[in-house]
Protein backbone atom coordinates (compact mmCIF):
# COMPACT_ATOMS: atom_id res chain seq x y z
CA MET A 1 -138.90 -121.14 136.15
CA ILE A 2 -137.86 -117.85 137.86
CA THR A 3 -134.18 -117.26 138.06
CA ILE A 4 -132.76 -114.43 140.31
CA LYS A 5 -128.89 -113.84 139.96
CA ASN A 6 -126.88 -111.55 142.25
CA LEU A 7 -129.89 -109.64 143.09
CA THR A 8 -129.08 -106.37 144.95
CA LYS A 9 -131.49 -103.80 146.06
CA LYS A 10 -130.84 -100.79 148.50
CA TYR A 11 -133.30 -98.13 149.82
CA ASP A 12 -131.01 -95.02 150.37
CA ASN A 13 -128.35 -96.49 152.48
CA LYS A 14 -130.17 -99.54 153.68
CA ILE A 15 -129.42 -102.80 151.95
CA VAL A 16 -132.27 -105.13 151.48
CA PHE A 17 -130.58 -107.65 149.27
CA ASN A 18 -126.82 -108.17 148.51
CA ASN A 19 -126.15 -110.65 145.58
CA LEU A 20 -129.10 -112.88 146.38
CA ASN A 21 -129.41 -116.13 144.14
CA LEU A 22 -132.67 -117.99 143.95
CA ASP A 23 -134.61 -120.42 141.60
CA ILE A 24 -138.31 -120.70 142.02
CA GLU A 25 -139.86 -124.01 140.13
CA GLU A 26 -143.08 -123.79 138.28
CA ASN A 27 -146.41 -125.43 139.38
CA LYS A 28 -145.51 -125.26 143.06
CA ILE A 29 -146.42 -122.91 145.89
CA THR A 30 -143.28 -121.52 147.29
CA VAL A 31 -143.94 -119.67 150.53
CA ILE A 32 -141.20 -116.77 151.76
CA LEU A 33 -141.26 -116.85 155.44
CA GLY A 34 -139.80 -114.07 157.44
CA GLU A 35 -140.35 -111.31 160.12
CA SER A 36 -141.15 -108.05 159.03
CA GLY A 37 -138.70 -105.78 157.42
CA VAL A 38 -136.65 -108.65 155.86
CA GLY A 39 -137.64 -107.76 152.33
CA LYS A 40 -140.35 -110.24 151.55
CA THR A 41 -142.56 -107.41 149.61
CA THR A 42 -139.49 -106.02 148.14
CA LEU A 43 -138.75 -109.53 146.57
CA LEU A 44 -142.22 -109.79 145.20
CA ASN A 45 -142.01 -106.32 143.56
CA VAL A 46 -138.89 -107.27 142.01
CA ILE A 47 -140.32 -110.44 140.63
CA ALA A 48 -143.37 -108.39 139.24
CA GLY A 49 -141.27 -105.61 137.78
CA LEU A 50 -142.58 -103.06 140.28
CA THR A 51 -139.14 -101.70 141.58
CA ASP A 52 -135.70 -101.22 140.20
CA TYR A 53 -132.85 -103.40 141.19
CA ASP A 54 -129.37 -104.53 140.15
CA GLY A 55 -128.61 -108.03 139.13
CA GLU A 56 -130.57 -110.32 136.88
CA VAL A 57 -134.19 -111.62 137.25
CA ARG A 58 -135.67 -113.96 134.66
CA CYS A 59 -139.29 -114.62 134.91
CA GLU A 60 -140.38 -117.22 132.34
CA ILE A 61 -144.15 -117.62 133.85
CA LYS A 62 -146.35 -114.83 132.40
CA PRO A 63 -149.12 -113.42 133.03
CA ILE A 64 -148.78 -112.44 136.58
CA SER A 65 -151.30 -111.60 139.09
CA TYR A 66 -150.52 -109.79 142.30
CA ILE A 67 -152.67 -109.92 145.44
CA PHE A 68 -151.06 -106.89 147.50
CA ARG A 69 -151.07 -106.21 151.18
CA GLU A 70 -153.36 -103.34 150.77
CA ASP A 71 -156.76 -104.64 149.06
CA ARG A 72 -156.75 -101.64 146.50
CA LEU A 73 -160.43 -102.09 145.64
CA ILE A 74 -162.04 -99.19 143.62
CA PRO A 75 -164.32 -97.09 146.15
CA ASN A 76 -166.96 -96.12 143.80
CA LEU A 77 -167.39 -99.39 142.25
CA THR A 78 -169.37 -102.49 143.75
CA VAL A 79 -167.74 -105.75 144.46
CA GLU A 80 -168.85 -107.35 141.23
CA GLU A 81 -167.60 -104.42 139.23
CA ASN A 82 -164.22 -104.57 141.07
CA LEU A 83 -163.87 -108.18 139.78
CA LYS A 84 -165.14 -107.34 136.20
CA LEU A 85 -162.76 -104.54 136.05
CA VAL A 86 -159.89 -106.84 135.82
CA ILE A 87 -161.66 -109.96 134.60
CA PRO A 88 -164.40 -108.75 132.42
CA ASP A 89 -166.04 -112.32 131.80
CA VAL A 90 -165.62 -113.58 135.39
CA ASP A 91 -168.14 -115.64 136.99
CA VAL A 92 -168.68 -113.31 139.80
CA ASP A 93 -171.22 -115.68 141.75
CA ALA A 94 -168.84 -118.72 141.49
CA GLU A 95 -165.63 -116.62 142.56
CA LEU A 96 -167.33 -114.88 145.58
CA GLU A 97 -168.63 -118.16 146.62
CA LYS A 98 -165.05 -119.45 146.90
CA VAL A 99 -164.31 -116.89 149.36
CA GLY A 100 -167.96 -116.88 151.30
CA LEU A 101 -169.16 -113.62 149.86
CA GLN A 102 -171.74 -114.69 147.60
CA ASP A 103 -174.25 -112.16 149.02
CA GLU A 104 -171.82 -109.11 148.61
CA ALA A 105 -171.78 -108.69 144.90
CA LYS A 106 -173.56 -105.33 144.75
CA SER A 107 -171.96 -104.04 147.87
CA TYR A 108 -169.32 -101.09 147.84
CA PRO A 109 -165.91 -101.55 149.51
CA LYS A 110 -166.76 -98.95 152.15
CA THR A 111 -169.57 -101.13 153.75
CA LEU A 112 -167.13 -104.17 153.84
CA SER A 113 -165.25 -105.26 156.98
CA ALA A 114 -161.38 -105.43 156.54
CA GLY A 115 -161.46 -109.22 156.30
CA MET A 116 -164.08 -109.17 153.76
CA SER A 117 -162.19 -106.52 151.61
CA ARG A 118 -159.18 -108.92 151.98
CA ARG A 119 -161.39 -111.93 150.66
CA VAL A 120 -162.46 -109.73 147.59
CA SER A 121 -158.78 -109.07 146.93
CA ILE A 122 -158.21 -112.96 146.96
CA ALA A 123 -161.12 -113.79 144.72
CA ARG A 124 -159.87 -111.08 142.25
CA GLY A 125 -156.27 -112.36 142.28
CA ILE A 126 -156.88 -115.97 141.94
CA ALA A 127 -159.79 -115.46 139.52
CA PHE A 128 -157.57 -113.72 136.98
CA PRO A 129 -156.21 -116.03 134.31
CA SER A 130 -152.54 -115.86 135.43
CA LYS A 131 -149.94 -118.38 135.48
CA LEU A 132 -148.09 -116.75 138.22
CA VAL A 133 -149.81 -115.36 141.30
CA LEU A 134 -147.93 -113.35 143.88
CA MET A 135 -149.65 -112.95 147.25
CA ASP A 136 -148.34 -110.47 149.94
CA GLU A 137 -149.80 -111.63 153.47
CA PRO A 138 -152.93 -112.47 151.79
CA LEU A 139 -154.50 -113.72 154.99
CA ILE A 140 -154.24 -110.65 156.81
CA ASN A 141 -157.13 -109.40 158.80
CA LEU A 142 -159.09 -112.82 158.57
CA ASP A 143 -160.10 -114.57 161.70
CA LEU A 144 -158.63 -117.94 162.59
CA ALA A 145 -161.50 -120.16 161.34
CA LEU A 146 -161.99 -118.19 158.01
CA LYS A 147 -158.19 -118.19 157.66
CA PHE A 148 -157.67 -122.00 157.46
CA ASP A 149 -160.96 -122.32 155.40
CA LEU A 150 -159.43 -120.07 152.71
CA ILE A 151 -155.89 -121.74 152.83
CA SER A 152 -157.56 -124.85 151.53
CA LYS A 153 -159.55 -123.21 148.92
CA VAL A 154 -156.68 -120.85 147.79
CA LYS A 155 -154.32 -123.97 147.75
CA GLU A 156 -157.09 -125.97 145.72
CA ASP A 157 -157.52 -123.33 143.15
CA VAL A 158 -153.82 -122.81 142.54
CA LYS A 159 -153.27 -126.58 142.00
CA GLU A 160 -156.45 -127.08 139.90
CA LYS A 161 -155.37 -124.30 137.51
CA GLY A 162 -151.87 -125.47 137.20
CA LYS A 163 -150.45 -122.18 138.53
CA THR A 164 -147.32 -121.16 140.11
CA ALA A 165 -147.58 -119.17 143.50
CA ILE A 166 -145.30 -117.03 145.43
CA ILE A 167 -146.83 -116.40 148.92
CA VAL A 168 -144.94 -114.16 151.71
CA THR A 169 -146.01 -114.33 155.21
CA HIS A 170 -144.75 -114.04 158.83
CA ASP A 171 -147.03 -116.81 159.98
CA VAL A 172 -145.41 -120.23 160.48
CA LYS A 173 -148.65 -122.20 160.44
CA GLU A 174 -149.84 -120.47 157.35
CA ALA A 175 -146.47 -121.34 155.61
CA VAL A 176 -146.62 -124.86 156.38
CA LEU A 177 -150.32 -125.39 155.41
CA LEU A 178 -150.00 -123.57 152.16
CA ALA A 179 -146.38 -124.40 150.79
CA ASP A 180 -144.79 -126.98 148.64
CA ARG A 181 -141.64 -125.44 149.49
CA ILE A 182 -140.68 -122.96 152.33
CA LEU A 183 -137.86 -120.46 152.16
CA VAL A 184 -136.91 -118.43 155.44
CA LEU A 185 -135.71 -114.99 154.56
CA ASN A 186 -133.44 -112.92 157.17
CA LYS A 187 -131.26 -110.10 156.52
CA GLY A 188 -131.57 -110.29 152.77
CA GLU A 189 -130.55 -113.97 152.76
CA ILE A 190 -132.28 -117.17 152.40
CA VAL A 191 -131.13 -118.77 155.56
CA LYS A 192 -133.21 -122.02 155.42
CA GLU A 193 -135.08 -124.20 152.86
CA ILE A 194 -137.62 -126.90 153.36
CA ASN A 195 -138.92 -128.87 150.38
CA ASN A 196 -140.62 -131.83 152.06
CA ILE A 197 -143.44 -130.43 154.37
CA SER A 198 -144.20 -133.13 157.14
CA GLU A 199 -146.03 -133.13 160.60
CA ASN A 200 -142.54 -132.00 162.29
CA THR A 201 -142.18 -129.00 159.93
CA GLU A 202 -144.12 -126.54 162.05
CA GLN A 203 -142.09 -127.25 165.19
CA GLU A 204 -138.82 -127.19 163.18
CA LEU A 205 -139.62 -123.73 161.82
CA PHE A 206 -140.84 -122.38 165.17
CA GLU A 207 -137.68 -123.33 166.75
CA PHE A 208 -135.60 -122.04 163.95
CA MET A 209 -137.37 -118.60 163.77
CA ILE A 210 -136.75 -118.29 167.62
CA ASN A 211 -133.06 -118.95 167.28
CA ILE A 212 -132.33 -116.67 164.40
CA ASN A 213 -133.86 -113.70 166.35
CA LYS A 214 -131.77 -113.99 169.38
C-alpha cells in the first residue's frame, strides 16, 4: 500500500498540492490522468523520494523502478549495455523482443529514433526486478499502432510479475486501456476516480475532461 496524507508541495509561490490525501493499492495498475502542469510528474517524484514535500508519504512497496519521461540512456553505451548497467543478469534478447527491438542490442542511443529510445527505456524499466514501477508518459513519441501493441505487453508484464504500477498520462484512451483504476488530477486534487473500467469509461472521461477545462 502507498499512503499519502496531507501532501503539500510548492515551487516558489506555486502551490502544486495542498493537503492531498490518497491511497494506492498493491498489485494494480493505477493511472493518474490529467493535463500538463497539474502535478502528475511531481506526484511520481514524491512517491519515489526524488523531491522534498510536506506531509506524510508511506510506501511499503519496494524496490521501485522509474521510467522517466526523458529516456535517460547513457550515450556511450549500447542498448545491451544500457540494460545490463541496471540489470546485470538481464536476458537482453527476451526483453528487447517484448518491445520489438531485438535487432538493436548493439546499437548506440544516437542511432535510435525517439520512439526506439522510448522503447528501450520501457524495456529497462519493466525488466528491473522491482515491486513498484512508476511510469511518466511512457508511450510518448510512439506511433499509434506501436503504442497499442506496447500497452498490451506492458500490462501483461506487470500483471504476470505481480507488480504495482503507477502511470501518468494526459491521454484518455491510454488510461482506459492500461488501468485497473483511474484517478483524474486537476489543480492539485483528485477530482474523479474510476475503479470499474467499462466500455463507457472512455466517453465518460472525455466528457469529464472537457467540462473541467471549461
